[in-house]
Each structure stands twice: as structure tokens, then as C-alpha cells.
Protein backbone atom coordinates (compact mmCIF):
# COMPACT_ATOMS: atom_id res chain seq x y z
CA MET A 1 14.95 122.39 -158.26
CA THR A 2 14.70 119.55 -155.74
CA VAL A 3 16.73 116.37 -155.85
CA THR A 4 15.64 113.55 -153.57
CA THR A 5 18.41 111.10 -152.70
CA GLU A 6 18.37 107.58 -151.35
CA THR A 7 18.28 107.55 -147.56
CA ILE A 8 18.67 103.83 -146.75
CA PRO A 9 21.84 103.52 -144.66
CA ARG A 10 24.73 101.25 -145.57
CA ALA A 11 23.79 98.52 -143.15
CA GLY A 12 23.83 94.75 -142.91
CA ARG A 13 21.71 92.78 -145.34
CA ALA A 14 19.11 91.76 -142.78
CA ARG A 15 18.60 95.29 -141.46
CA ARG A 16 18.36 96.74 -144.98
CA ARG A 17 15.78 94.13 -145.95
CA ALA A 18 13.77 94.78 -142.83
CA ALA A 19 13.73 98.51 -143.56
CA ALA A 20 12.84 97.94 -147.18
CA GLY A 21 10.10 95.51 -146.23
CA LEU A 22 8.56 97.96 -143.75
CA ALA A 23 8.67 100.79 -146.31
CA ALA A 24 7.10 98.57 -148.95
CA ALA A 25 4.35 97.48 -146.57
CA VAL A 26 3.53 101.07 -145.63
CA ALA A 27 3.54 102.14 -149.27
CA ALA A 28 1.32 99.24 -150.28
CA ALA A 29 -1.19 100.04 -147.54
CA LEU A 30 -1.33 103.70 -148.50
CA LEU A 31 -1.67 102.95 -152.19
CA ALA A 32 -4.38 100.40 -151.57
CA ALA A 33 -6.37 103.05 -149.73
CA GLY A 34 -5.93 105.45 -152.61
CA CYS A 35 -7.04 102.93 -155.21
CA THR A 36 -10.11 101.58 -153.43
CA GLY A 37 -11.98 104.71 -152.56
CA GLY A 38 -9.55 106.85 -150.58
CA GLY A 39 -8.08 108.54 -153.64
CA ALA A 40 -9.41 110.91 -156.27
CA ALA A 41 -12.78 110.17 -157.76
CA SER A 42 -12.91 109.36 -161.45
CA ARG A 43 -13.51 112.67 -163.19
CA GLY A 44 -12.96 111.95 -166.83
CA GLU A 45 -11.08 115.24 -167.02
CA GLU A 46 -9.03 116.15 -170.06
CA ALA A 47 -5.77 118.04 -170.38
CA LYS A 48 -6.42 119.84 -173.64
CA PRO A 49 -3.61 120.87 -175.99
CA ALA A 50 -2.64 124.52 -176.05
CA GLU A 51 -4.08 126.49 -178.97
CA ASP A 52 -1.92 129.60 -178.50
CA PRO A 53 1.48 129.08 -176.79
CA SER A 54 1.74 132.78 -175.98
CA LYS A 55 -1.34 132.56 -173.75
CA VAL A 56 -0.27 129.52 -171.73
CA SER A 57 1.18 130.50 -168.34
CA GLY A 58 2.07 129.22 -164.92
CA THR A 59 4.72 127.28 -163.03
CA ILE A 60 4.60 123.49 -163.30
CA THR A 61 6.49 120.79 -161.41
CA VAL A 62 7.69 117.77 -163.34
CA LEU A 63 8.57 114.61 -161.40
CA THR A 64 11.40 112.63 -162.97
CA GLN A 65 13.64 109.66 -162.27
CA ARG A 66 16.51 111.27 -164.20
CA THR A 67 18.28 112.60 -161.14
CA ASP A 68 21.55 112.63 -163.07
CA TRP A 69 20.14 115.06 -165.63
CA VAL A 70 18.53 117.20 -162.95
CA GLN A 71 21.85 117.46 -161.16
CA ASP A 72 23.98 118.22 -164.21
CA GLY A 73 21.57 120.81 -165.65
CA THR A 74 20.40 118.83 -168.68
CA MET A 75 16.73 119.00 -167.67
CA ALA A 76 17.08 122.75 -167.04
CA ARG A 77 18.37 123.14 -170.60
CA TYR A 78 15.27 121.38 -171.89
CA ALA A 79 13.16 123.82 -169.87
CA ASP A 80 15.03 126.76 -171.38
CA GLU A 81 14.27 125.48 -174.87
CA PHE A 82 10.64 124.92 -173.93
CA ARG A 83 10.33 128.55 -172.83
CA LYS A 84 11.24 129.69 -176.34
CA THR A 85 7.86 128.31 -177.42
CA TYR A 86 5.99 128.82 -174.13
CA PRO A 87 7.58 131.99 -172.67
CA LYS A 88 5.10 132.32 -169.82
CA VAL A 89 5.55 128.79 -168.45
CA THR A 90 8.22 127.98 -165.86
CA VAL A 91 9.21 124.34 -165.42
CA LYS A 92 10.65 123.02 -162.17
CA PHE A 93 11.97 119.48 -161.76
CA ASP A 94 11.73 117.14 -158.81
CA GLY A 95 14.33 114.42 -159.36
CA ILE A 96 13.59 111.30 -157.32
CA THR A 97 16.01 108.41 -156.86
CA ASP A 98 13.49 105.90 -155.46
CA TYR A 99 10.90 107.00 -157.98
CA GLU A 100 8.47 104.08 -157.65
CA GLY A 101 8.61 103.97 -153.87
CA GLU A 102 8.20 107.69 -153.23
CA VAL A 103 5.73 108.67 -155.93
CA LYS A 104 3.22 105.95 -155.16
CA ILE A 105 3.08 107.30 -151.60
CA ARG A 106 2.67 110.90 -152.80
CA MET A 107 -0.24 109.80 -154.95
CA ASN A 108 -2.34 109.24 -151.86
CA THR A 109 -2.53 113.05 -151.79
CA LYS A 110 -3.28 115.52 -154.59
CA ASN A 111 0.31 116.76 -154.58
CA TYR A 112 2.23 114.61 -157.04
CA GLY A 113 3.44 117.25 -159.41
CA ASP A 114 1.74 118.62 -162.50
CA VAL A 115 3.49 116.19 -164.84
CA LEU A 116 4.80 112.81 -163.72
CA LEU A 117 5.87 109.41 -164.97
CA ILE A 118 3.17 106.83 -164.33
CA PRO A 119 4.41 104.48 -161.57
CA GLY A 120 4.22 100.77 -162.34
CA ALA A 121 2.24 100.18 -159.14
CA ILE A 122 -0.81 102.06 -160.46
CA LYS A 123 -3.39 99.75 -162.01
CA LYS A 124 -4.23 100.65 -165.58
CA ASN A 125 -7.97 100.83 -164.89
CA ASP A 126 -7.26 103.42 -162.18
CA TYR A 127 -5.54 105.84 -164.56
CA PRO A 128 -8.64 108.08 -164.90
CA ARG A 129 -8.63 108.55 -161.12
CA PHE A 130 -5.14 110.00 -161.12
CA PHE A 131 -4.45 111.41 -164.57
CA ALA A 132 -6.14 113.71 -167.06
CA SER A 133 -6.91 112.32 -170.50
CA LEU A 134 -4.68 113.34 -173.41
CA GLY A 135 -7.36 112.53 -175.97
CA SER A 136 -8.91 109.55 -177.73
CA ARG A 137 -6.99 106.44 -178.62
CA ALA A 138 -8.32 106.57 -182.18
CA GLU A 139 -6.87 110.02 -182.72
CA ARG A 140 -3.52 109.56 -180.97
CA ALA A 141 -2.80 106.14 -182.46
CA GLU A 142 -2.57 107.71 -185.90
CA LYS A 143 0.51 109.65 -184.80
CA TYR A 144 2.05 107.89 -181.79
CA ARG A 145 3.36 104.45 -180.90
CA PHE A 146 2.44 102.70 -177.65
CA THR A 147 -0.95 104.37 -177.12
CA ASP A 148 -2.58 101.08 -176.06
CA TYR A 149 -0.37 100.94 -172.98
CA SER A 150 -2.29 103.76 -171.30
CA THR A 151 -5.72 103.54 -172.96
CA VAL A 152 -8.74 103.13 -170.68
CA ASP A 153 -12.24 103.15 -172.19
CA GLY A 154 -10.97 104.63 -175.42
CA LYS A 155 -9.03 107.49 -173.84
CA VAL A 156 -5.24 107.81 -173.53
CA TYR A 157 -3.78 108.84 -170.17
CA GLY A 158 -0.04 108.70 -170.76
CA GLN A 159 2.56 109.15 -173.48
CA SER A 160 6.09 107.83 -173.37
CA PRO A 161 8.66 110.22 -174.87
CA ILE A 162 10.80 107.27 -175.95
CA GLY A 163 10.50 103.64 -176.92
CA VAL A 164 12.98 101.06 -175.68
CA VAL A 165 14.18 97.63 -176.68
CA PRO A 166 15.59 95.18 -174.10
CA GLY A 167 18.99 93.63 -174.48
CA PHE A 168 22.36 92.87 -172.94
CA LEU A 169 24.81 95.75 -172.70
CA TYR A 170 28.26 94.24 -172.96
CA ASN A 171 31.89 95.18 -173.31
CA LYS A 172 32.92 94.00 -176.77
CA LYS A 173 36.63 93.87 -175.92
CA VAL A 174 36.05 91.65 -172.90
CA TRP A 175 33.81 89.29 -174.82
CA ALA A 176 36.31 89.12 -177.68
CA GLU A 177 39.16 88.46 -175.24
CA ALA A 178 37.18 85.48 -173.99
CA GLY A 179 36.73 84.26 -177.56
CA ALA A 180 33.02 85.13 -177.70
CA THR A 181 32.67 87.13 -180.91
CA GLU A 182 29.20 86.02 -182.01
CA TRP A 183 25.89 86.62 -180.28
CA PRO A 184 24.81 83.48 -178.42
CA THR A 185 21.65 81.99 -179.91
CA THR A 186 20.61 79.88 -176.89
CA PRO A 187 20.73 80.31 -173.10
CA ALA A 188 23.26 77.44 -172.94
CA ALA A 189 25.57 79.23 -175.39
CA PHE A 190 25.20 82.45 -173.41
CA LEU A 191 26.23 80.68 -170.22
CA ASP A 192 29.22 79.18 -172.02
CA ALA A 193 30.30 82.69 -173.04
CA LEU A 194 30.06 83.94 -169.44
CA ARG A 195 32.10 80.96 -168.24
CA ALA A 196 34.75 81.77 -170.82
CA ILE A 197 34.83 85.38 -169.58
CA ARG A 198 35.32 84.15 -166.03
CA ALA A 199 38.10 81.80 -167.09
CA LYS A 200 39.99 84.03 -169.51
CA THR A 201 39.52 87.59 -168.21
CA SER A 202 39.46 89.48 -164.93
CA ALA A 203 35.97 90.91 -165.57
CA VAL A 204 32.81 90.09 -163.63
CA PRO A 205 30.92 88.08 -166.30
CA TYR A 206 27.47 89.39 -165.30
CA TYR A 207 26.46 92.20 -162.93
CA THR A 208 23.05 91.88 -161.25
CA ASN A 209 22.50 95.42 -159.93
CA PHE A 210 20.75 93.56 -157.11
CA LYS A 211 20.97 96.30 -154.48
CA ASP A 212 19.35 99.00 -156.62
CA MET A 213 16.51 96.56 -157.27
CA TRP A 214 14.81 98.24 -160.24
CA PRO A 215 17.21 96.85 -162.89
CA LEU A 216 15.98 93.35 -162.03
CA THR A 217 12.54 94.24 -163.40
CA SER A 218 14.12 94.50 -166.85
CA TRP A 219 14.10 90.70 -167.08
CA THR A 220 10.32 90.75 -167.45
CA TYR A 221 10.74 92.76 -170.65
CA ALA A 222 12.27 89.71 -172.32
CA LEU A 223 8.69 88.42 -172.52
CA GLY A 224 7.93 88.04 -176.22
CA SER A 225 11.58 87.90 -177.24
CA VAL A 226 11.84 84.14 -176.67
CA SER A 227 8.67 83.20 -178.56
CA CYS A 228 8.62 86.17 -180.98
CA ASP A 229 4.91 86.28 -180.19
CA ALA A 230 2.97 89.54 -179.98
CA GLN A 231 0.36 87.69 -177.88
CA ALA A 232 2.89 86.64 -175.24
CA GLN A 233 1.46 88.98 -172.60
CA ASN A 234 -2.15 88.02 -173.31
CA ARG A 235 -1.26 84.34 -172.96
CA LEU A 236 -0.33 84.94 -169.34
CA THR A 237 -4.06 85.08 -168.54
CA THR A 238 -4.76 81.49 -169.60
CA THR A 239 -1.49 79.60 -169.12
CA ASP A 240 1.03 78.79 -166.41
CA PRO A 241 3.82 81.33 -167.04
CA TRP A 242 6.45 79.06 -165.41
CA ALA A 243 5.43 75.72 -166.92
CA LYS A 244 8.18 73.62 -168.51
CA GLY A 245 9.17 75.25 -171.80
CA SER A 246 7.31 78.48 -171.09
CA GLU A 247 8.77 81.88 -171.85
CA LEU A 248 9.12 83.29 -168.35
CA ARG A 249 10.58 80.00 -167.14
CA THR A 250 13.23 80.28 -169.87
CA VAL A 251 14.01 83.86 -168.83
CA ASP A 252 14.11 83.18 -165.11
CA THR A 253 16.09 79.97 -165.54
CA LEU A 254 18.82 81.88 -167.36
CA LEU A 255 19.09 84.42 -164.54
CA TYR A 256 19.10 81.62 -161.97
CA ASP A 257 21.81 79.68 -163.81
CA ILE A 258 23.97 82.81 -164.15
CA VAL A 259 23.82 83.40 -160.40
CA HIS A 260 23.98 79.73 -159.37
CA GLY A 261 27.04 79.29 -161.59
CA LYS A 262 28.85 82.07 -159.70
CA LEU A 263 29.09 84.19 -162.83
CA ILE A 264 28.19 87.38 -160.96
CA GLU A 265 29.77 89.83 -158.50
CA LYS A 266 30.92 88.45 -155.15
CA ASP A 267 28.25 90.15 -153.04
CA PRO A 268 25.05 91.28 -154.82
CA SER A 269 23.95 93.24 -151.74
CA THR A 270 26.75 95.76 -152.38
CA THR A 271 26.12 96.52 -156.07
CA ASN A 272 26.01 100.15 -157.17
CA TRP A 273 24.12 101.24 -160.29
CA GLU A 274 25.95 104.50 -160.97
CA ALA A 275 29.35 102.93 -160.33
CA SER A 276 28.53 100.02 -162.65
CA LYS A 277 28.53 102.26 -165.72
CA PRO A 278 32.23 103.19 -165.73
CA ARG A 279 33.12 99.69 -164.54
CA LEU A 280 31.52 98.11 -167.61
CA ALA A 281 33.06 100.79 -169.82
CA LYS A 282 36.53 99.96 -168.43
CA GLY A 283 36.04 96.21 -168.81
CA GLU A 284 35.72 95.41 -165.10
CA ILE A 285 32.19 94.17 -165.81
CA ALA A 286 31.35 92.26 -168.98
CA THR A 287 27.55 92.15 -169.22
CA MET A 288 24.24 93.52 -167.89
CA TRP A 289 20.62 92.94 -168.98
CA LEU A 290 18.97 96.37 -169.33
CA GLY A 291 17.57 98.16 -172.36
CA SER A 292 18.51 100.38 -175.26
CA TRP A 293 17.83 103.46 -173.11
CA ALA A 294 21.00 102.66 -171.12
CA ILE A 295 23.40 102.67 -174.08
CA PRO A 296 24.03 106.46 -174.15
CA GLN A 297 24.59 106.48 -170.39
CA PHE A 298 27.24 103.76 -170.66
CA ARG A 299 28.88 105.39 -173.68
CA ASP A 300 29.02 108.67 -171.79
CA ALA A 301 30.62 106.80 -168.89
CA ALA A 302 33.18 105.39 -171.32
CA GLU A 303 34.10 108.87 -172.54
CA LYS A 304 34.52 110.10 -168.99
CA ALA A 305 36.63 107.05 -168.14
CA GLY A 306 38.84 107.59 -171.17
CA THR A 307 37.83 104.38 -172.89
CA ASP A 308 36.27 103.81 -176.31
CA PRO A 309 32.45 104.31 -176.33
CA GLY A 310 32.42 101.96 -179.32
CA ASP A 311 33.31 99.13 -176.95
CA ILE A 312 29.76 99.28 -175.54
CA GLY A 313 27.77 96.63 -177.39
CA PHE A 314 24.12 95.59 -177.31
CA MET A 315 22.74 92.11 -178.00
CA PRO A 316 19.29 90.49 -177.83
CA PHE A 317 18.10 87.73 -175.54
CA PRO A 318 19.77 84.44 -176.57
CA ALA A 319 16.85 82.76 -178.30
CA GLN A 320 15.78 82.49 -181.93
CA VAL A 321 12.64 81.62 -183.86
CA ASP A 322 13.17 80.36 -187.40
CA GLY A 323 16.80 81.42 -187.22
CA ALA A 324 16.13 85.02 -186.19
CA PHE A 325 16.32 86.96 -182.93
CA CYS A 326 13.32 88.95 -181.73
CA ALA A 327 13.16 92.06 -179.57
CA VAL A 328 10.10 93.70 -178.03
CA ALA A 329 9.71 97.43 -178.57
CA SER A 330 7.85 99.03 -175.68
CA PRO A 331 7.44 102.42 -174.07
CA ASP A 332 9.64 103.69 -171.30
CA TYR A 333 7.91 105.48 -168.42
CA GLN A 334 4.86 107.35 -169.69
CA LEU A 335 4.35 111.06 -169.04
CA ALA A 336 0.98 111.96 -167.57
CA VAL A 337 -0.84 115.04 -166.29
CA ASN A 338 -2.01 115.05 -162.67
CA VAL A 339 -5.81 115.13 -162.71
CA HIS A 340 -5.68 117.58 -159.78
CA SER A 341 -3.30 120.01 -161.44
CA PRO A 342 -4.69 123.55 -161.72
CA ARG A 343 -2.28 124.09 -164.63
CA LYS A 344 -3.36 121.31 -166.97
CA GLU A 345 -2.89 123.37 -170.14
CA ALA A 346 0.74 124.15 -169.26
CA ALA A 347 1.31 120.57 -168.14
CA ARG A 348 -0.11 119.22 -171.42
CA ALA A 349 2.08 121.68 -173.33
CA TRP A 350 5.16 120.20 -171.65
CA VAL A 351 4.06 116.62 -172.43
CA ASP A 352 3.50 117.43 -176.10
CA TRP A 353 6.67 119.47 -176.51
CA PHE A 354 8.86 116.99 -174.65
CA THR A 355 7.49 114.12 -176.73
CA GLU A 356 7.69 115.78 -180.13
CA LYS A 357 10.11 118.72 -180.09
CA SER A 358 12.67 118.31 -177.30
CA GLY A 359 14.96 115.85 -179.03
CA TYR A 360 14.82 113.66 -175.91
CA ALA A 361 14.49 110.46 -177.95
CA ALA A 362 17.47 111.37 -180.12
CA ASP A 363 19.50 112.42 -177.08
CA ASN A 364 18.87 108.99 -175.58
CA LEU A 365 19.53 107.20 -178.89
CA ALA A 366 16.06 105.78 -178.37
CA LEU A 367 13.07 104.79 -180.47
CA SER A 368 10.86 107.81 -181.11
CA PRO A 369 7.19 107.52 -180.15
CA LEU A 370 6.34 109.26 -183.44
CA LYS A 371 5.38 106.64 -185.99
CA ASP A 372 6.98 108.49 -188.90
CA ALA A 373 10.39 108.79 -187.21
CA ALA A 374 13.36 106.69 -188.32
CA LEU A 375 14.86 103.99 -186.13
CA PRO A 376 17.77 105.26 -184.02
CA ALA A 377 21.31 104.48 -185.14
CA VAL A 378 21.93 102.67 -181.85
CA LEU A 379 19.70 99.84 -183.08
CA LYS A 380 21.73 99.40 -186.26
CA PRO A 381 23.37 96.21 -184.90
CA TYR A 382 19.86 94.77 -184.53
CA THR A 383 18.70 95.82 -187.99
CA ASP A 384 21.97 94.69 -189.59
CA ARG A 385 21.51 91.20 -188.17
CA GLY A 386 17.85 90.93 -189.00
CA VAL A 387 16.43 91.13 -185.49
CA ASN A 388 12.64 91.18 -185.67
CA PHE A 389 10.93 93.96 -183.72
CA ILE A 390 7.51 93.26 -182.25
CA GLU A 391 5.09 95.12 -179.97
CA LEU A 392 3.09 93.15 -177.43
CA ASP A 393 -0.66 93.28 -177.85
CA GLN A 394 -2.18 95.08 -174.86
CA LYS A 395 -5.72 93.67 -175.03
CA ASP A 396 -5.49 91.73 -171.75
CA ARG A 397 -2.95 93.87 -169.90
CA ALA A 398 -5.44 94.94 -167.24
CA LEU A 399 -6.36 91.31 -166.59
CA VAL A 400 -2.69 90.35 -166.39
CA ASN A 401 -2.21 93.08 -163.79
CA GLU A 402 -5.25 91.85 -161.86
CA ILE A 403 -3.92 88.29 -161.81
CA ASP A 404 -0.44 89.50 -160.94
CA ASN A 405 -1.72 91.52 -157.99
CA ALA A 406 -3.92 88.69 -156.74
CA ALA A 407 -1.03 86.22 -157.03
CA GLU A 408 1.30 88.69 -155.29
CA VAL A 409 4.07 87.91 -157.78
CA GLY A 410 4.97 91.38 -159.04
CA LEU A 411 6.05 90.86 -162.64
CA GLU A 412 7.16 94.48 -162.91
CA LYS A 413 8.50 94.73 -159.38
CA PRO A 414 12.01 93.72 -158.31
CA GLU A 415 11.23 91.59 -155.26
CA TYR A 416 10.40 88.35 -157.04
CA ARG A 417 13.69 88.30 -158.90
CA GLN A 418 15.60 89.40 -155.83
CA LYS A 419 14.22 86.27 -154.20
CA LEU A 420 15.20 84.25 -157.28
CA VAL A 421 18.76 85.58 -157.03
CA ASP A 422 18.86 84.84 -153.30
CA VAL A 423 17.72 81.26 -153.88
CA ALA A 424 20.27 80.83 -156.67
CA ARG A 425 23.19 82.07 -154.54
CA GLY A 426 22.16 80.18 -151.42
CA ALA A 427 21.06 83.22 -149.42
CA ALA A 428 17.50 81.86 -149.24
CA GLN A 429 16.23 78.32 -148.96
CA GLY A 430 14.90 76.40 -151.94
CA ASP A 431 15.79 75.57 -155.50
CA LEU A 432 14.72 76.69 -158.97
CA ASP A 433 11.92 74.17 -159.44
CA GLY A 434 10.51 74.81 -156.00
CA TYR A 435 10.58 78.58 -156.34
CA LEU A 436 9.09 78.71 -159.83
CA GLY A 437 6.60 76.01 -158.85
CA GLY A 438 5.36 78.25 -156.06
CA LEU A 439 4.92 81.14 -158.49
CA SER A 440 3.01 78.83 -160.84
CA GLU A 441 0.67 77.69 -158.10
CA ARG A 442 -0.16 81.22 -156.97
CA TRP A 443 -0.59 82.46 -160.54
CA THR A 444 -2.91 79.68 -161.72
CA ARG A 445 -5.00 80.04 -158.57
CA ALA A 446 -5.32 83.78 -159.23
CA GLU A 447 -6.28 83.08 -162.87
CA LYS A 448 -9.21 80.98 -161.70
CA SER A 449 -10.35 83.55 -159.14
CA ALA A 450 -10.22 86.25 -161.86
CA GLY A 451 -12.33 84.09 -164.18
CA ALA A 452 -9.54 83.81 -166.72
CA ARG A 453 -9.76 80.01 -166.73
């Protein structure tokens, strides 16, 4: 069992950024080589389901971002349960803290585990080069949610074991102490609530998780929540995403205003993801934008801190359509089988078992990928208040990714919102209109070059 830990030293902001920038540049260069001819050739290989569990054998390595569960033995317990069905298969876990950064570099070789979570940096159309097919979309869509997210030419290359819904995790007691007992229905009302928290409590109104970077990508998953439009992603191919009144402008403006209004921690460069969990549970932090997947982690932190797990609340993005909130249901990381794995049958067995039989979705209080499963109890506040759940149409996702890469924005990467936060707090030059205007210019130019306009 290997656990990879973060190795960036605690240094000054400039040195840390320089190191991060160099690492990102190296990773990007390596990945580009792998995706343009230096990587695996497209094989169209399939990881077929096991017909007889007693005949499946071998040792497989599973790459995971759940370093906490690797360290505390939770993943090992899953493996023990798996062996009751597949007694001849041994599962080893490689827990990786900087999952995106490290795995995309490993994928320039053939050695990236037998089962892995598909990194966001891999273009959807390149999935057949790196992953074995799990079967046809037509077949899998009858049973599973989210199959369109990893479908290429009618074949599915990944399966998320859980579905997630974005939202604000918040400490109910802190919000109530500030007099904010109702969910804000507009960004302006949300900002008013954070100002009240700053004025009436000792809590940090909003915590950015700036240093750990990846939590900032969660803001992109508000796309669709503002408009309650299943076509919100597809519209990015023919519109300016940051035009006045647009959805992403609304989302990014809220983040900017939170930071610019000094409603965050004193120094975003010193945030700590793991430490933020007990701090929110104890009321030292009031609010974070994450997803439903984080609720059990924060409730567990509350139990360990001796506070009430029931104080951990969850609310949707502050926007309504026809008097109702909307929330986008989407897959978490998707499990995939390495196309180079010599143990594809065992790897596929793990994917199927972990998705259907492990109880992982229930353990995370998450939305099951199985269409016939009930909604998790953790989403009861949403269902009680009539929040509409939608899934974004994936028809133009590949084109969105192409435009995004050409524009060098990085919708699902943290850097563009780190820059937004830096501009908002005065650590970088510019203002909101100038920064978003630059994104608009690059995006619309990339749309034209991609033939989308």
C-alpha cells in the first residue's frame, strides 16, 4: 500500500508559485506528447465483465485520491469484502494527494495502475487511447447514470461510483447566530449573509481553500444551477461564457465579490484542506462551496471534534428560476481500466463491484450511479425545499474541451480561479471586468478557430 504525499515545501508565495508553474509546464509538455502520438495507440480494447468470479485472478493496483481512506484502512476493508466474491484477486491501493498532477505524468508511460480515476486533463476523445471500453453506451445507459460523460463513438470508457451535487457546506449555528436562517435566493442576499457573519460572529465567513487549488474547480460545477438549463454546457460552444448576464459571469462575480469584500481568510496562500474540516465543524469557518460528496467528511470531522454533525448544512447556489433552486447532478471521478493492463478482467471486476456492491455511494451519502437506487438522505434538505435536479447534456462536451484548451482557460482546472482570487484580493493587477473580459476574448477567438461560430 503506497501513499504519496505532497512534497511542495512551506515557502513564500512567489517561490511556491514558481515551483507549481514549472511542474505544471513539465506535466503539460509530457501530456501533450502522450496525446498527440507519443502515447498508446487507439486499440479499441474492451475490459469484459467476469463470467465466473472464482476463475478471476491476479493482483491489481488501484489509483485513488482518497488518501485519507487509504491511510485509515477503509479502502483495505473494501478490498477484503471484494475478496469474498473474487477470492483470487488481490487489490493494492496507491493513494495520491496531488492526483491530477501526478497521474497525468504517469500516463505518458504504460504504468498508471490497473484501475484509475480519469484525470480531468485527458481529452474525452483520447479515452480509447488510455482506457479499455466497459461496453456500449446503449447497454450501460439502461442501468447507469452519467454514461454520456465517458462515451466515445458509442462505447463507454469510465464509470463513476457516485454522483454528486454542488452546494455550499455551512455551519448552521454560525449562520443562525448571524441571523441568516433562510437560504439566500440571490448572490446579493448571499453576500449580505456573509457580511452579517463577519459582523456578528468570530467565524471566517467563507473559506477559499486557495492553497490546495482543486476545491476552486468546484465553482465550475455551478454551471446549469443558475439557469436551470440542461443545455448550459452545450451553449458554451456558441456564446461568450462571461458576457453580461451569463451564467459563468454570475458564478465568478460572486466568488470575486466574496474575496474583494474581505469575507475570506486573512491569507489564502496558507489555507489547509484537511484542517478546514474540523474548523467548519467547530464554527471557526462558516461556509465553503464544494459538493455533496464532502458532507460525510465534514460530519465525521464534527464527531471527532466533539460537535454536532447535524450542524453541517448544505445549500444550493443562490439563484432561482421560477421561484425554485436548481442543482446539477454529475458524476464524481470516473473509474477506468488501463488499456495496457494485463489483468483487465480483474480490473473490470473491481470497477463493477465497487460501483454496484461496495456500498461506496451509501458510505459517502452520495447519489448512486444505479438508476433504480433511491436518492440519499443527505439530499433531503434539497428535496424538502423543491430543488430541481438536472443533468447537463453532454452532446458538445468534446467541443467545449477543445475550445477550452485552445483558449487556455481551464474550466476544470484551478489556475483561472486562483488568478480571479488574486485579482480580487489585490495580489494581482486588474479588476473583475478586465479579467473576465480577457477570458471572453480568448474563448470567443477559440470558438471561431474550432468552427463553433
